[in-house]
C-alpha atoms as a PDB file:
ATOM      1  CA  MET A   1     -38.638 -67.388  -5.128  1.00  0.00           C
ATOM      2  CA  LEU A   2     -40.060 -65.773  -8.198  1.00  0.00           C
ATOM      3  CA  LYS A   3     -37.648 -64.272 -10.664  1.00  0.00           C
ATOM      4  CA  ASN A   4     -38.547 -60.768 -11.848  1.00  0.00           C
ATOM      5  CA  LYS A   5     -38.381 -60.684 -15.646  1.00  0.00           C
ATOM      6  CA  SER A   6     -38.796 -56.964 -16.307  1.00  0.00           C
ATOM      7  CA  PHE A   7     -36.554 -54.193 -17.619  1.00  0.00           C
ATOM      8  CA  THR A   8     -34.909 -51.676 -15.438  1.00  0.00           C
ATOM      9  CA  LEU A   9     -35.110 -47.969 -16.107  1.00  0.00           C
ATOM     10  CA  ILE A  10     -31.429 -47.864 -17.058  1.00  0.00           C
ATOM     11  CA  GLU A  11     -31.899 -50.645 -19.629  1.00  0.00           C
ATOM     12  CA  MET A  12     -34.837 -48.781 -21.158  1.00  0.00           C
ATOM     13  CA  VAL A  13     -32.841 -45.514 -21.419  1.00  0.00           C
ATOM     14  CA  VAL A  14     -29.917 -47.322 -23.075  1.00  0.00           C
ATOM     15  CA  VAL A  15     -32.241 -49.026 -25.592  1.00  0.00           C
ATOM     16  CA  MET A  16     -33.975 -45.718 -26.392  1.00  0.00           C
ATOM     17  CA  ALA A  17     -30.606 -43.976 -26.898  1.00  0.00           C
ATOM     18  CA  ILE A  18     -29.418 -46.704 -29.289  1.00  0.00           C
ATOM     19  CA  PHE A  19     -32.743 -46.642 -31.154  1.00  0.00           C
ATOM     20  CA  THR A  20     -32.568 -42.828 -31.477  1.00  0.00           C
ATOM     21  CA  LEU A  21     -29.016 -42.974 -32.867  1.00  0.00           C
ATOM     22  CA  ILE A  22     -29.952 -45.630 -35.436  1.00  0.00           C
ATOM     23  CA  LEU A  23     -33.099 -43.722 -36.455  1.00  0.00           C
ATOM     24  CA  GLY A  24     -31.165 -40.427 -36.749  1.00  0.00           C
ATOM     25  CA  ALA A  25     -28.472 -42.025 -38.929  1.00  0.00           C
ATOM     26  CA  THR A  26     -31.098 -43.672 -41.141  1.00  0.00           C
ATOM     27  CA  LEU A  27     -33.021 -40.428 -41.601  1.00  0.00           C
ATOM     28  CA  GLY A  28     -29.784 -38.558 -42.385  1.00  0.00           C
ATOM     29  CA  ILE A  29     -28.931 -41.040 -45.125  1.00  0.00           C
ATOM     30  CA  PHE A  30     -32.484 -40.846 -46.492  1.00  0.00           C
ATOM     31  CA  VAL A  31     -32.477 -37.023 -46.599  1.00  0.00           C
ATOM     32  CA  SER A  32     -29.047 -37.028 -48.302  1.00  0.00           C
ATOM     33  CA  ALA A  33     -30.307 -39.469 -50.918  1.00  0.00           C
ATOM     34  CA  ILE A  34     -33.377 -37.290 -51.602  1.00  0.00           C
ATOM     35  CA  ARG A  35     -31.180 -34.168 -51.987  1.00  0.00           C
ATOM     36  CA  ALA A  36     -28.810 -36.001 -54.336  1.00  0.00           C
ATOM     37  CA  GLN A  37     -31.762 -37.228 -56.417  1.00  0.00           C
ATOM     38  CA  ARG A  38     -33.176 -33.686 -56.697  1.00  0.00           C
ATOM     39  CA  TYR A  39     -29.784 -32.302 -57.702  1.00  0.00           C
ATOM     40  CA  ASN A  40     -29.359 -35.018 -60.329  1.00  0.00           C
ATOM     41  CA  LEU A  41     -32.854 -34.398 -61.723  1.00  0.00           C
ATOM     42  CA  VAL A  42     -32.283 -30.637 -62.026  1.00  0.00           C
ATOM     43  CA  SER A  43     -28.844 -31.295 -63.517  1.00  0.00           C
ATOM     44  CA  HIS A  44     -30.353 -33.643 -66.111  1.00  0.00           C
ATOM     45  CA  GLN A  45     -33.052 -31.105 -67.038  1.00  0.00           C
ATOM     46  CA  LEU A  46     -30.429 -28.367 -67.271  1.00  0.00           C
ATOM     47  CA  LEU A  47     -28.274 -30.447 -69.618  1.00  0.00           C
ATOM     48  CA  ASN A  48     -31.292 -31.293 -71.782  1.00  0.00           C
ATOM     49  CA  GLN A  49     -32.392 -27.667 -72.098  1.00  0.00           C
ATOM     50  CA  THR A  50     -28.871 -26.387 -72.714  1.00  0.00           C
ATOM     51  CA  SER A  51     -28.300 -29.031 -75.358  1.00  0.00           C
ATOM     52  CA  TYR A  52     -31.622 -28.199 -77.023  1.00  0.00           C
ATOM     53  CA  ALA A  53     -30.982 -24.440 -77.040  1.00  0.00           C
ATOM     54  CA  MET A  54     -27.448 -24.778 -78.426  1.00  0.00           C
ATOM     55  CA  GLU A  55     -28.582 -27.193 -81.147  1.00  0.00           C
ATOM     56  CA  TYR A  56     -31.529 -24.949 -82.035  1.00  0.00           C
ATOM     57  CA  ILE A  57     -29.270 -21.922 -82.446  1.00  0.00           C
ATOM     58  CA  SER A  58     -26.593 -23.943 -84.256  1.00  0.00           C
ATOM     59  CA  ARG A  59     -29.078 -25.226 -86.812  1.00  0.00           C
ATOM     60  CA  PHE A  60     -30.077 -21.680 -87.757  1.00  0.00           C
ATOM     61  CA  LEU A  61     -26.477 -20.391 -87.737  1.00  0.00           C
ATOM     62  CA  ARG A  62     -25.338 -23.154 -90.108  1.00  0.00           C
ATOM     63  CA  MET A  63     -28.071 -22.194 -92.576  1.00  0.00           C
ATOM     64  CA  ALA A  64     -27.602 -18.406 -92.361  1.00  0.00           C
ATOM     65  CA  LYS A  65     -27.032 -16.456 -95.544  1.00  0.00           C
ATOM     66  CA  LYS A  66     -25.590 -13.090 -96.493  1.00  0.00           C
ATOM     67  CA  ASP A  67     -27.963 -10.285 -95.665  1.00  0.00           C
ATOM     68  CA  ASP A  68     -29.757  -8.862 -98.679  1.00  0.00           C
ATOM     69  CA  ILE A  69     -32.854  -7.585 -96.847  1.00  0.00           C
ATOM     70  CA  GLY A  70     -31.259  -4.850 -94.732  1.00  0.00           C
ATOM     71  CA  CYS A  71     -31.234  -6.777 -91.472  1.00  0.00           C
ATOM     72  CA  ILE A  72     -27.502  -6.490 -90.725  1.00  0.00           C
ATOM     73  CA  ASP A  73     -25.785  -4.451 -93.435  1.00  0.00           C
ATOM     74  CA  GLY A  74     -24.895  -7.190 -95.939  1.00  0.00           C
ATOM     75  CA  SER A  75     -22.700  -9.464 -93.800  1.00  0.00           C
ATOM     76  CA  ASN A  76     -23.375 -13.003 -92.589  1.00  0.00           C
ATOM     77  CA  TYR A  77     -23.667 -12.362 -88.848  1.00  0.00           C
ATOM     78  CA  GLN A  78     -23.745  -9.376 -86.513  1.00  0.00           C
ATOM     79  CA  GLU A  79     -23.072  -9.299 -82.778  1.00  0.00           C
ATOM     80  CA  THR A  80     -25.765  -7.437 -80.852  1.00  0.00           C
ATOM     81  CA  ARG A  81     -26.172  -6.310 -77.273  1.00  0.00           C
ATOM     82  CA  THR A  82     -22.381  -6.003 -76.852  1.00  0.00           C
ATOM     83  CA  GLY A  83     -21.689  -9.637 -77.666  1.00  0.00           C
ATOM     84  CA  LYS A  84     -24.642 -10.996 -75.678  1.00  0.00           C
ATOM     85  CA  GLY A  85     -26.659 -11.588 -78.844  1.00  0.00           C
ATOM     86  CA  ILE A  86     -26.350 -12.447 -82.512  1.00  0.00           C
ATOM     87  CA  LYS A  87     -28.416 -11.366 -85.496  1.00  0.00           C
ATOM     88  CA  PHE A  88     -28.513 -12.875 -89.001  1.00  0.00           C
ATOM     89  CA  VAL A  89     -30.737 -13.744 -91.943  1.00  0.00           C
ATOM     90  CA  ASN A  90     -31.907 -17.358 -92.069  1.00  0.00           C
ATOM     91  CA  TYR A  91     -32.415 -19.499 -95.176  1.00  0.00           C
ATOM     92  CA  ASN A  92     -36.054 -18.284 -95.469  1.00  0.00           C
ATOM     93  CA  GLY A  93     -34.983 -14.643 -95.639  1.00  0.00           C
ATOM     94  CA  GLU A  94     -36.128 -13.903 -92.085  1.00  0.00           C
ATOM     95  CA  CYS A  95     -34.116 -11.719 -89.722  1.00  0.00           C
ATOM     96  CA  LEU A  96     -33.418 -13.641 -86.486  1.00  0.00           C
ATOM     97  CA  GLU A  97     -31.793 -12.497 -83.261  1.00  0.00           C
ATOM     98  CA  PHE A  98     -30.813 -14.753 -80.370  1.00  0.00           C
ATOM     99  CA  PHE A  99     -29.961 -12.882 -77.162  1.00  0.00           C
ATOM    100  CA  TRP A 100     -29.714 -12.837 -73.371  1.00  0.00           C
ATOM    101  CA  GLY A 101     -33.009 -11.356 -72.125  1.00  0.00           C
ATOM    102  CA  LEU A 102     -33.660  -9.170 -69.103  1.00  0.00           C
ATOM    103  CA  ASN A 103     -35.098 -12.078 -67.088  1.00  0.00           C
ATOM    104  CA  ASN A 104     -31.839 -14.060 -67.526  1.00  0.00           C
ATOM    105  CA  GLN A 105     -33.322 -16.292 -70.216  1.00  0.00           C
ATOM    106  CA  LEU A 106     -32.111 -17.124 -73.707  1.00  0.00           C
ATOM    107  CA  LYS A 107     -34.541 -15.477 -76.145  1.00  0.00           C
ATOM    108  CA  VAL A 108     -35.195 -15.249 -79.876  1.00  0.00           C
ATOM    109  CA  ASN A 109     -36.766 -12.529 -82.031  1.00  0.00           C
ATOM    110  CA  GLY A 110     -37.824 -13.089 -85.618  1.00  0.00           C
ATOM    111  CA  ARG A 111     -39.010 -10.720 -88.338  1.00  0.00           C
ATOM    112  CA  LYS A 112     -39.865 -11.213 -92.000  1.00  0.00           C
ATOM    113  CA  GLU A 113     -38.365  -9.140 -94.784  1.00  0.00           C
ATOM    114  CA  ASP A 114     -41.352  -6.763 -94.713  1.00  0.00           C
ATOM    115  CA  GLY A 115     -40.950  -6.245 -90.929  1.00  0.00           C
ATOM    116  CA  THR A 116     -43.793  -8.559 -89.907  1.00  0.00           C
ATOM    117  CA  VAL A 117     -43.105 -10.093 -86.496  1.00  0.00           C
ATOM    118  CA  ILE A 118     -42.737 -13.888 -86.588  1.00  0.00           C
ATOM    119  CA  PHE A 119     -42.020 -14.185 -82.883  1.00  0.00           C
ATOM    120  CA  ASP A 120     -40.981 -11.583 -80.349  1.00  0.00           C
ATOM    121  CA  ALA A 121     -38.690 -12.356 -77.409  1.00  0.00           C
ATOM    122  CA  VAL A 122     -39.655 -16.015 -77.078  1.00  0.00           C
ATOM    123  CA  ASP A 123     -37.831 -17.859 -74.269  1.00  0.00           C
ATOM    124  CA  LEU A 124     -35.660 -20.793 -75.340  1.00  0.00           C
ATOM    125  CA  THR A 125     -34.824 -21.745 -71.757  1.00  0.00           C
ATOM    126  CA  SER A 126     -37.076 -22.543 -68.825  1.00  0.00           C
ATOM    127  CA  ASP A 127     -37.856 -20.185 -65.950  1.00  0.00           C
ATOM    128  CA  ASP A 128     -36.255 -22.825 -63.691  1.00  0.00           C
ATOM    129  CA  PHE A 129     -32.823 -21.810 -64.994  1.00  0.00           C
ATOM    130  CA  GLU A 130     -30.924 -18.559 -65.321  1.00  0.00           C
ATOM    131  CA  ILE A 131     -28.123 -17.522 -67.634  1.00  0.00           C
ATOM    132  CA  ILE A 132     -24.916 -16.495 -65.915  1.00  0.00           C
ATOM    133  CA  SER A 133     -23.075 -15.630 -69.128  1.00  0.00           C
ATOM    134  CA  LEU A 134     -23.804 -15.700 -72.864  1.00  0.00           C
ATOM    135  CA  ASN A 135     -21.347 -14.594 -75.527  1.00  0.00           C
ATOM    136  CA  PHE A 136     -21.133 -14.850 -79.297  1.00  0.00           C
ATOM    137  CA  HIS A 137     -17.879 -14.340 -81.190  1.00  0.00           C
ATOM    138  CA  ILE A 138     -17.931 -14.009 -84.973  1.00  0.00           C
ATOM    139  CA  SER A 139     -14.893 -14.811 -87.109  1.00  0.00           C
ATOM    140  CA  GLY A 140     -14.226 -15.358 -90.790  1.00  0.00           C
ATOM    141  CA  ASP A 141     -17.008 -12.964 -91.769  1.00  0.00           C
ATOM    142  CA  GLU A 142     -15.471 -10.135 -93.788  1.00  0.00           C
ATOM    143  CA  SER A 143     -12.642  -9.951 -91.264  1.00  0.00           C
ATOM    144  CA  GLY A 144      -9.976 -10.506 -93.914  1.00  0.00           C
ATOM    145  CA  ASP A 145      -8.849 -13.927 -92.674  1.00  0.00           C
ATOM    146  CA  ASP A 146     -10.269 -15.820 -95.717  1.00  0.00           C
ATOM    147  CA  LEU A 147     -11.825 -18.462 -93.488  1.00  0.00           C
ATOM    148  CA  GLN A 148     -15.320 -19.892 -93.475  1.00  0.00           C
ATOM    149  CA  PRO A 149     -17.716 -17.607 -91.537  1.00  0.00           C
ATOM    150  CA  ARG A 150     -18.224 -19.088 -88.079  1.00  0.00           C
ATOM    151  CA  VAL A 151     -19.690 -18.243 -84.708  1.00  0.00           C
ATOM    152  CA  THR A 152     -18.389 -19.380 -81.340  1.00  0.00           C
ATOM    153  CA  MET A 153     -21.094 -19.504 -78.669  1.00  0.00           C
ATOM    154  CA  TYR A 154     -20.393 -19.650 -74.947  1.00  0.00           C
ATOM    155  CA  LEU A 155     -23.229 -20.320 -72.502  1.00  0.00           C
ATOM    156  CA  ASP A 156     -23.020 -20.543 -68.715  1.00  0.00           C
ATOM    157  CA  ILE A 157     -26.363 -21.446 -67.155  1.00  0.00           C
ATOM    158  CA  LYS A 158     -27.459 -22.705 -63.731  1.00  0.00           C
ATOM    159  CA  GLY A 159     -30.542 -23.728 -61.809  1.00  0.00           C
ATOM    160  CA  LYS A 160     -32.528 -21.109 -59.927  1.00  0.00           C
ATOM    161  CA  GLY A 161     -33.194 -21.495 -56.248  1.00  0.00           C
ATOM    162  CA  SER A 162     -31.410 -21.621 -52.959  1.00  0.00           C
ATOM    163  CA  GLY A 163     -28.720 -24.050 -51.981  1.00  0.00           C
ATOM    164  CA  ASN A 164     -26.398 -25.982 -54.223  1.00  0.00           C
ATOM    165  CA  GLN A 165     -27.666 -25.656 -57.814  1.00  0.00           C
ATOM    166  CA  PRO A 166     -26.147 -27.361 -60.868  1.00  0.00           C
ATOM    167  CA  GLU A 167     -24.340 -25.226 -63.415  1.00  0.00           C
ATOM    168  CA  VAL A 168     -23.391 -25.986 -67.029  1.00  0.00           C
ATOM    169  CA  LYS A 169     -20.746 -24.201 -69.061  1.00  0.00           C
ATOM    170  CA  ILE A 170     -20.783 -25.050 -72.749  1.00  0.00           C
ATOM    171  CA  GLN A 171     -18.948 -23.680 -75.756  1.00  0.00           C
ATOM    172  CA  THR A 172     -19.314 -24.619 -79.402  1.00  0.00           C
ATOM    173  CA  THR A 173     -18.265 -23.242 -82.749  1.00  0.00           C
ATOM    174  CA  VAL A 174     -20.565 -23.414 -85.763  1.00  0.00           C
ATOM    175  CA  SER A 175     -19.463 -22.727 -89.313  1.00  0.00           C
ATOM    176  CA  GLN A 176     -21.782 -21.636 -92.046  1.00  0.00           C
ATOM    177  CA  ARG A 177     -22.588 -24.351 -94.593  1.00  0.00           C
ATOM    178  CA  ASN A 178     -22.401 -22.166 -97.677  1.00  0.00           C
ATOM    179  CA  PRO A 179     -21.157 -18.595 -97.140  1.00  0.00           C
ATOM    180  CA  ASP A 180     -22.053 -17.557-100.693  1.00  0.00           C
ATOM    181  CA  ILE A 181     -25.826 -17.904-100.264  1.00  0.00           C
END
């Protein structure tokens, strides 16, 4: 007698079911890894841009001087846009304003003493991100507390798009280097 060495239909169905389960689990892990990598990449870019923007603003705030060109009425700093912006005179005698723009971006305006525009509403953050909250709080600037003029900045920013997007909340306080200049 010859022995039949073939597979039965039931054996084939069982093998296909096992193969489908293994393939489905593998693809699920792969898709999860891709999503995690995308999230981490956007999160890294968000941290880089937030860090850059805060350092950029901080550098100018540290070097601000008392207004003698009529930008903000003789003080060191002035809140604008109901706390969503700050205006001051930089070390070159230029009037700068950092603010939360209409397209949910951090922006900067700059004008020279004679009113010449240096830059007008330039974005400091990418279109890939949107500001959730931006606040500036000024203290020690002619408030009677005899402390060094300083600005506390609070920024809450997140990635644009659908699904789970990274979000960064950062706060820092910057004091003026020399309040007498």
